[in-house]
């Protein structure tokens, strides 16, 4: 059984109320929530939130009633892992054991249905502890990411012997794209964080990996969503 999960905290300092804010004709959360309901592979859909309006909205659309998340998981410092663990426990109490925990990030609505299927396929074929959406990093710490030393002088963040004079010579680096995750429930239960086990990348194109964390991000995603809808309408 596959649990489809979305985390949607009420508070947001960067973009207040962003998870329920309208974007291209529907609340932001619905771009991800509708994908979970549309997937024939997802058996149960849950939304973890401290916002009663979001919770009632999700339940009305068909999400399971797991209650509001605890206050300690609704702070600025609460990480994904604890939220996921609580959601898994609350959901399995209703549905029984799950074979996979699929999380879609509410603030990354540019994924397509194919991304969900491919991430699940990768999880099934490779049997990792977790599949994590990634894209190729636009900057590379071996080549063009720099940091200051104690004197303020800049140096390459991760220097290699002899230096790297071309991007193609640098080791491959991925950006962790907050979009799509597939987690082994057993791993989620026993571990304390994302990186304790075998975490493998599901590579997505960068144009589908924009995460809304600022007003500029919201404007950019809104533009890209509108363009995608226009392209679909014209075949």
Protein backbone atom coordinates (compact mmCIF):
# COMPACT_ATOMS: atom_id res chain seq x y z
CA UNK A 1 0.00 0.00 0.00
CA UNK A 2 1.31 3.42 -0.95
CA UNK A 3 0.58 6.43 1.24
CA UNK A 4 0.55 9.77 -0.56
CA UNK A 5 1.42 12.62 1.78
CA UNK A 6 1.60 16.41 1.64
CA UNK A 7 2.92 18.60 4.44
CA UNK A 8 1.37 22.08 4.56
CA UNK A 9 2.27 24.13 7.61
CA UNK A 10 0.14 27.20 8.30
CA UNK A 11 2.98 29.63 8.96
CA UNK A 12 5.41 30.96 6.36
CA UNK A 13 7.73 33.91 6.83
CA UNK A 14 8.81 34.14 3.20
CA UNK A 15 5.33 34.04 1.63
CA UNK A 16 2.59 34.27 4.28
CA UNK A 17 -0.18 31.72 3.75
CA UNK A 18 1.51 30.38 0.62
CA UNK A 19 0.27 26.79 0.86
CA UNK A 20 -3.36 27.87 0.52
CA UNK A 21 -2.76 30.92 -1.65
CA UNK A 22 -4.41 30.96 -5.08
CA UNK A 23 -2.11 30.35 -8.02
CA UNK A 24 -3.31 29.86 -11.60
CA UNK A 25 -6.89 29.30 -10.52
CA UNK A 26 -6.53 26.99 -7.53
CA UNK A 27 -4.93 26.88 -4.07
CA UNK A 28 -1.22 26.03 -4.23
CA UNK A 29 -1.73 22.79 -2.31
CA UNK A 30 -4.20 21.52 -4.91
CA UNK A 31 -1.56 21.28 -7.63
CA UNK A 32 0.08 18.51 -5.58
CA UNK A 33 -3.03 17.17 -3.86
CA UNK A 34 -4.80 16.61 -7.18
CA UNK A 35 -1.81 14.65 -8.45
CA UNK A 36 -2.03 12.26 -5.50
CA UNK A 37 -5.73 11.70 -6.07
CA UNK A 38 -5.12 11.22 -9.81
CA UNK A 39 -2.44 8.57 -9.31
CA UNK A 40 -3.82 5.03 -9.60
CA UNK A 41 -0.82 3.83 -7.57
CA UNK A 42 -1.60 5.85 -4.44
CA UNK A 43 -3.92 4.01 -2.06
CA UNK A 44 -4.37 6.61 0.68
CA UNK A 45 -3.89 10.38 0.69
CA UNK A 46 -3.11 12.39 3.83
CA UNK A 47 -2.27 16.01 4.55
CA UNK A 48 -0.25 16.95 7.61
CA UNK A 49 -1.06 20.50 8.67
CA UNK A 50 -1.72 22.74 11.65
CA UNK A 51 -4.17 24.82 9.58
CA UNK A 52 -7.82 23.87 10.11
CA UNK A 53 -8.88 25.40 6.78
CA UNK A 54 -6.28 23.38 4.84
CA UNK A 55 -7.15 20.22 6.80
CA UNK A 56 -10.90 20.58 6.16
CA UNK A 57 -10.23 21.34 2.49
CA UNK A 58 -8.10 18.20 2.09
CA UNK A 59 -10.57 15.97 3.92
CA UNK A 60 -13.43 17.31 1.80
CA UNK A 61 -11.48 16.28 -1.30
CA UNK A 62 -10.99 12.76 0.07
CA UNK A 63 -7.92 12.81 2.32
CA UNK A 64 -7.94 10.55 5.37
CA UNK A 65 -8.73 12.09 8.72
CA UNK A 66 -5.47 11.94 10.68
CA UNK A 67 -6.09 15.10 12.71
CA UNK A 68 -4.00 18.25 12.92
CA UNK A 69 -0.27 17.83 13.43
CA UNK A 70 1.10 18.37 16.97
CA UNK A 71 2.26 21.88 17.87
CA UNK A 72 5.92 20.84 18.16
CA UNK A 73 5.84 19.80 14.49
CA UNK A 74 4.36 23.12 13.36
CA UNK A 75 7.24 25.44 14.24
CA UNK A 76 9.79 27.13 11.98
CA UNK A 77 12.44 24.68 13.16
CA UNK A 78 10.44 21.47 12.70
CA UNK A 79 11.95 19.35 9.94
CA UNK A 80 10.34 17.04 7.40
CA UNK A 81 11.42 13.87 9.12
CA UNK A 82 9.41 14.26 12.30
CA UNK A 83 6.36 15.38 10.29
CA UNK A 84 6.68 12.32 8.05
CA UNK A 85 7.06 9.97 11.01
CA UNK A 86 3.95 11.34 12.68
CA UNK A 87 1.93 11.18 9.44
CA UNK A 88 3.03 7.60 8.76
CA UNK A 89 2.11 6.47 12.26
CA UNK A 90 -1.27 8.20 12.16
CA UNK A 91 -2.08 6.83 8.71
CA UNK A 92 -1.02 3.24 9.37
CA UNK A 93 -3.26 3.25 12.44
CA UNK A 94 -6.13 3.60 9.94
CA UNK A 95 -4.91 1.71 6.89
CA UNK A 96 -2.48 -0.86 8.18
CA UNK A 97 1.15 -1.25 7.05
CA UNK A 98 2.39 0.70 4.05
CA UNK A 99 4.89 -0.42 1.42
CA UNK A 100 5.94 3.11 0.47
CA UNK A 101 5.53 6.66 1.76
CA UNK A 102 5.27 9.12 -1.13
CA UNK A 103 5.68 12.79 -0.20
CA UNK A 104 4.93 15.64 -2.59
CA UNK A 105 6.18 19.04 -1.51
CA UNK A 106 3.32 21.51 -1.52
CA UNK A 107 5.55 24.37 -2.66
CA UNK A 108 6.80 22.57 -5.79
CA UNK A 109 3.78 22.41 -8.10
CA UNK A 110 5.71 22.14 -11.36
CA UNK A 111 6.22 18.37 -11.22
CA UNK A 112 4.22 16.29 -13.71
CA UNK A 113 2.45 12.97 -13.16
CA UNK A 114 5.30 11.21 -14.91
CA UNK A 115 7.67 12.35 -12.17
CA UNK A 116 5.59 10.52 -9.58
CA UNK A 117 5.55 7.31 -11.62
CA UNK A 118 9.26 7.46 -12.38
CA UNK A 119 10.17 8.07 -8.74
CA UNK A 120 8.03 5.11 -7.67
CA UNK A 121 9.53 2.94 -10.43
CA UNK A 122 13.04 3.84 -9.28
CA UNK A 123 12.13 2.99 -5.69
CA UNK A 124 10.77 -0.40 -6.75
CA UNK A 125 13.70 -1.28 -9.02
CA UNK A 126 16.58 -0.11 -6.81
CA UNK A 127 15.15 -0.84 -3.33
CA UNK A 128 16.81 2.14 -1.62
CA UNK A 129 15.86 3.57 1.73
CA UNK A 130 14.68 6.70 -0.03
CA UNK A 131 14.35 8.26 -3.48
CA UNK A 132 14.86 12.02 -3.45
CA UNK A 133 14.11 14.42 -6.28
CA UNK A 134 17.21 16.25 -7.51
CA UNK A 135 18.41 18.27 -10.45
CA UNK A 136 21.87 19.04 -11.74
CA UNK A 137 23.31 21.91 -9.74
CA UNK A 138 23.68 25.21 -11.56
CA UNK A 139 26.80 26.02 -9.53
CA UNK A 140 29.53 23.63 -8.47
CA UNK A 141 31.52 23.83 -5.19
CA UNK A 142 34.58 22.36 -6.94
CA UNK A 143 34.54 25.06 -9.59
CA UNK A 144 32.44 28.22 -9.15
CA UNK A 145 31.07 28.24 -5.60
CA UNK A 146 33.35 30.26 -3.35
CA UNK A 147 33.55 31.17 0.33
CA UNK A 148 35.59 33.72 2.30
CA UNK A 149 38.42 32.82 4.66
CA UNK A 150 39.15 34.61 7.94
CA UNK A 151 40.67 37.55 6.05
CA UNK A 152 37.69 37.89 3.71
CA UNK A 153 39.56 36.50 0.70
CA UNK A 154 37.57 34.14 -1.51
CA UNK A 155 38.46 30.52 -2.23
CA UNK A 156 36.74 27.67 -4.05
CA UNK A 157 34.51 25.90 -1.53
CA UNK A 158 35.86 22.39 -2.24
CA UNK A 159 39.30 22.71 -3.85
CA UNK A 160 40.81 19.73 -5.61
CA UNK A 161 44.54 19.10 -6.16
CA UNK A 162 45.62 21.00 -9.26
CA UNK A 163 42.38 22.94 -9.36
CA UNK A 164 39.43 22.72 -11.73
CA UNK A 165 39.62 25.07 -14.72
CA UNK A 166 36.44 23.95 -16.53
CA UNK A 167 33.03 22.96 -15.22
CA UNK A 168 33.19 19.70 -17.18
CA UNK A 169 36.20 18.64 -15.07
CA UNK A 170 34.34 19.04 -11.77
CA UNK A 171 32.65 16.10 -10.01
CA UNK A 172 28.90 15.88 -10.58
CA UNK A 173 26.88 17.73 -7.97
CA UNK A 174 23.10 17.66 -7.58
CA UNK A 175 20.71 20.09 -5.96
CA UNK A 176 18.29 18.57 -3.50
CA UNK A 177 15.01 19.60 -5.10
CA UNK A 178 12.15 19.76 -2.60
CA UNK A 179 9.56 18.12 -4.83
CA UNK A 180 9.06 14.37 -4.76
CA UNK A 181 10.21 11.73 -2.27
CA UNK A 182 9.57 8.01 -1.89
CA UNK A 183 10.55 6.57 1.49
CA UNK A 184 10.69 3.01 2.80
CA UNK A 185 8.36 3.06 5.82
CA UNK A 186 10.72 0.83 7.81
CA UNK A 187 13.55 3.31 7.23
CA UNK A 188 11.31 6.21 8.19
CA UNK A 189 10.43 4.52 11.46
CA UNK A 190 13.94 3.55 12.53
CA UNK A 191 16.00 6.55 11.40
CA UNK A 192 16.39 10.04 12.82
CA UNK A 193 16.94 11.90 9.56
CA UNK A 194 17.12 11.80 5.78
CA UNK A 195 20.76 10.88 5.35
CA UNK A 196 21.26 7.82 7.57
CA UNK A 197 20.47 5.28 4.87
CA UNK A 198 20.86 4.75 1.14
CA UNK A 199 19.30 7.81 -0.47
CA UNK A 200 19.36 7.89 -4.27
CA UNK A 201 18.43 10.70 -6.69
CA UNK A 202 15.49 10.90 -9.00
CA UNK A 203 16.71 13.43 -11.53
CA UNK A 204 14.26 16.06 -12.74
CA UNK A 205 14.83 18.92 -15.18
CA UNK A 206 15.59 22.17 -13.31
CA UNK A 207 12.55 23.93 -14.74
CA UNK A 208 10.33 21.52 -12.74
CA UNK A 209 12.31 21.92 -9.53
CA UNK A 210 11.52 25.51 -8.57
CA UNK A 211 10.49 25.64 -4.91
CA UNK A 212 8.41 28.55 -3.60
CA UNK A 213 10.28 30.14 -0.71
CA UNK A 214 9.99 33.86 -1.53
CA UNK A 215 7.65 36.28 -3.32
CA UNK A 216 9.96 36.11 -6.35
CA UNK A 217 9.69 32.31 -6.38
CA UNK A 218 5.90 32.59 -6.27
CA UNK A 219 5.90 34.95 -9.25
CA UNK A 220 8.27 32.70 -11.19
CA UNK A 221 6.29 29.52 -10.50
CA UNK A 222 3.04 31.26 -11.39
CA UNK A 223 4.56 32.28 -14.74
CA UNK A 224 5.87 28.76 -15.42
CA UNK A 225 2.56 27.15 -14.44
CA UNK A 226 0.63 29.49 -16.71
CA UNK A 227 3.02 28.72 -19.57
CA UNK A 228 2.64 24.96 -19.01
CA UNK A 229 -1.14 25.25 -19.02
CA UNK A 230 -1.03 27.29 -22.22
CA UNK A 231 1.28 24.76 -23.88
CA UNK A 232 -1.06 21.90 -22.88
CA UNK A 233 -4.07 23.75 -24.27
CA UNK A 234 -2.33 24.11 -27.62
CA UNK A 235 -1.31 20.47 -27.71
